[in-house]
Amino acid sequence: MTKEEEEYYDAYFDMFHTTGWKQFIDEINDIINGFRIEDIKDEKHLSLVQGQLQMLTRTANFEDGLRNTYDDLTEDIDAS
């Protein structure tokens, strides 16, 4: 892994340890859990809700995805 790649991941890992990040993810999860199928009015609204949920879910799962990618990269390096 290059120095730049290591700095890239370290910056994110530092951010993930902050209270602000934890608050942000808690709020994102509250929004995700607040969606109710009963509130969907029509197909257009359904498409909008699906897009919103997709983006919110990607944001909520960002930390896990980044950590998994980092772990995969470091395992490949260790295996070499």
C-alpha atoms as a PDB file:
ATOM      1  CA  MET A   1       0.000   0.000   0.000  1.00  0.00           C
ATOM      2  CA  THR A   2       1.353   3.422  -0.879  1.00  0.00           C
ATOM      3  CA  LYS A   3       1.886   6.185   1.658  1.00  0.00           C
ATOM      4  CA  GLU A   4      -0.951   8.153   0.038  1.00  0.00           C
ATOM      5  CA  GLU A   5      -3.335   5.214   0.345  1.00  0.00           C
ATOM      6  CA  GLU A   6      -2.391   4.720   3.979  1.00  0.00           C
ATOM      7  CA  GLU A   7      -3.024   8.428   4.689  1.00  0.00           C
ATOM      8  CA  TYR A   8      -6.349   8.197   2.855  1.00  0.00           C
ATOM      9  CA  TYR A   9      -7.573   5.368   5.081  1.00  0.00           C
ATOM     10  CA  ASP A  10      -6.093   6.864   8.263  1.00  0.00           C
ATOM     11  CA  ALA A  11      -7.997  10.111   7.699  1.00  0.00           C
ATOM     12  CA  TYR A  12     -11.277   8.208   7.484  1.00  0.00           C
ATOM     13  CA  PHE A  13     -10.452   6.003  10.475  1.00  0.00           C
ATOM     14  CA  ASP A  14      -9.730   9.131  12.530  1.00  0.00           C
ATOM     15  CA  MET A  15     -13.073  10.615  11.497  1.00  0.00           C
ATOM     16  CA  PHE A  16     -14.956   7.414  12.349  1.00  0.00           C
ATOM     17  CA  HIS A  17     -13.787   7.741  15.974  1.00  0.00           C
ATOM     18  CA  THR A  18     -15.324  11.194  16.453  1.00  0.00           C
ATOM     19  CA  THR A  19     -18.512  11.903  18.343  1.00  0.00           C
ATOM     20  CA  GLY A  20     -19.772  13.865  15.346  1.00  0.00           C
ATOM     21  CA  TRP A  21     -19.524  10.853  13.036  1.00  0.00           C
ATOM     22  CA  LYS A  22     -21.362   8.664  15.524  1.00  0.00           C
ATOM     23  CA  GLN A  23     -24.104  11.304  15.875  1.00  0.00           C
ATOM     24  CA  PHE A  24     -24.364  11.635  12.106  1.00  0.00           C
ATOM     25  CA  ILE A  25     -24.747   7.876  11.582  1.00  0.00           C
ATOM     26  CA  ASP A  26     -27.286   7.636  14.432  1.00  0.00           C
ATOM     27  CA  GLU A  27     -29.364  10.350  12.758  1.00  0.00           C
ATOM     28  CA  ILE A  28     -29.085   8.672   9.358  1.00  0.00           C
ATOM     29  CA  ASN A  29     -30.305   5.408  10.896  1.00  0.00           C
ATOM     30  CA  ASP A  30     -33.185   7.228  12.607  1.00  0.00           C
ATOM     31  CA  ILE A  31     -34.220   8.657   9.231  1.00  0.00           C
ATOM     32  CA  ILE A  32     -33.978   5.225   7.589  1.00  0.00           C
ATOM     33  CA  ASN A  33     -36.081   3.673  10.331  1.00  0.00           C
ATOM     34  CA  GLY A  34     -38.612   6.495  10.061  1.00  0.00           C
ATOM     35  CA  PHE A  35     -39.725   5.590   6.557  1.00  0.00           C
ATOM     36  CA  ARG A  36     -43.118   3.908   6.517  1.00  0.00           C
ATOM     37  CA  ILE A  37     -44.590   2.058   3.575  1.00  0.00           C
ATOM     38  CA  GLU A  38     -48.017   3.385   4.552  1.00  0.00           C
ATOM     39  CA  ASP A  39     -46.851   6.920   3.729  1.00  0.00           C
ATOM     40  CA  ILE A  40     -46.040   6.140   0.080  1.00  0.00           C
ATOM     41  CA  LYS A  41     -48.623   7.845  -2.108  1.00  0.00           C
ATOM     42  CA  ASP A  42     -47.935   6.558  -5.607  1.00  0.00           C
ATOM     43  CA  GLU A  43     -45.299   5.088  -7.928  1.00  0.00           C
ATOM     44  CA  LYS A  44     -43.493   8.408  -8.317  1.00  0.00           C
ATOM     45  CA  HIS A  45     -43.255   8.807  -4.558  1.00  0.00           C
ATOM     46  CA  LEU A  46     -42.118   5.167  -4.256  1.00  0.00           C
ATOM     47  CA  SER A  47     -39.246   5.837  -6.672  1.00  0.00           C
ATOM     48  CA  LEU A  48     -38.252   8.903  -4.672  1.00  0.00           C
ATOM     49  CA  VAL A  49     -38.307   6.971  -1.391  1.00  0.00           C
ATOM     50  CA  GLN A  50     -36.293   4.114  -2.924  1.00  0.00           C
ATOM     51  CA  GLY A  51     -33.618   6.568  -4.059  1.00  0.00           C
ATOM     52  CA  GLN A  52     -33.515   8.261  -0.673  1.00  0.00           C
ATOM     53  CA  LEU A  53     -33.248   4.960   1.160  1.00  0.00           C
ATOM     54  CA  GLN A  54     -30.511   3.761  -1.162  1.00  0.00           C
ATOM     55  CA  MET A  55     -28.368   6.831  -0.541  1.00  0.00           C
ATOM     56  CA  LEU A  56     -29.018   6.867   3.205  1.00  0.00           C
ATOM     57  CA  THR A  57     -28.172   3.171   3.470  1.00  0.00           C
ATOM     58  CA  ARG A  58     -24.954   3.656   1.503  1.00  0.00           C
ATOM     59  CA  THR A  59     -23.994   6.448   3.882  1.00  0.00           C
ATOM     60  CA  ALA A  60     -24.868   4.382   6.964  1.00  0.00           C
ATOM     61  CA  ASN A  61     -22.756   1.484   5.652  1.00  0.00           C
ATOM     62  CA  PHE A  62     -19.830   3.590   4.437  1.00  0.00           C
ATOM     63  CA  GLU A  63     -17.620   2.918   7.466  1.00  0.00           C
ATOM     64  CA  ASP A  64     -18.073  -0.857   7.275  1.00  0.00           C
ATOM     65  CA  GLY A  65     -17.391  -0.873   3.554  1.00  0.00           C
ATOM     66  CA  LEU A  66     -14.237   1.176   3.913  1.00  0.00           C
ATOM     67  CA  ARG A  67     -12.960  -0.990   6.762  1.00  0.00           C
ATOM     68  CA  ASN A  68     -13.670  -4.164   4.762  1.00  0.00           C
ATOM     69  CA  THR A  69     -11.800  -2.776   1.764  1.00  0.00           C
ATOM     70  CA  TYR A  70      -8.853  -1.813   3.959  1.00  0.00           C
ATOM     71  CA  ASP A  71      -8.827  -5.248   5.592  1.00  0.00           C
ATOM     72  CA  ASP A  72      -8.875  -6.932   2.177  1.00  0.00           C
ATOM     73  CA  LEU A  73      -5.974  -4.776   0.985  1.00  0.00           C
ATOM     74  CA  THR A  74      -3.885  -5.415   4.077  1.00  0.00           C
ATOM     75  CA  GLU A  75      -4.610  -9.149   3.985  1.00  0.00           C
ATOM     76  CA  ASP A  76      -3.400  -9.252   0.392  1.00  0.00           C
ATOM     77  CA  ILE A  77      -0.205  -7.467   1.448  1.00  0.00           C
ATOM     78  CA  ASP A  78       0.315  -9.784   4.420  1.00  0.00           C
ATOM     79  CA  ALA A  79      -0.231 -12.836   2.212  1.00  0.00           C
ATOM     80  CA  SER A  80       2.485 -11.698  -0.204  1.00  0.00           C
END
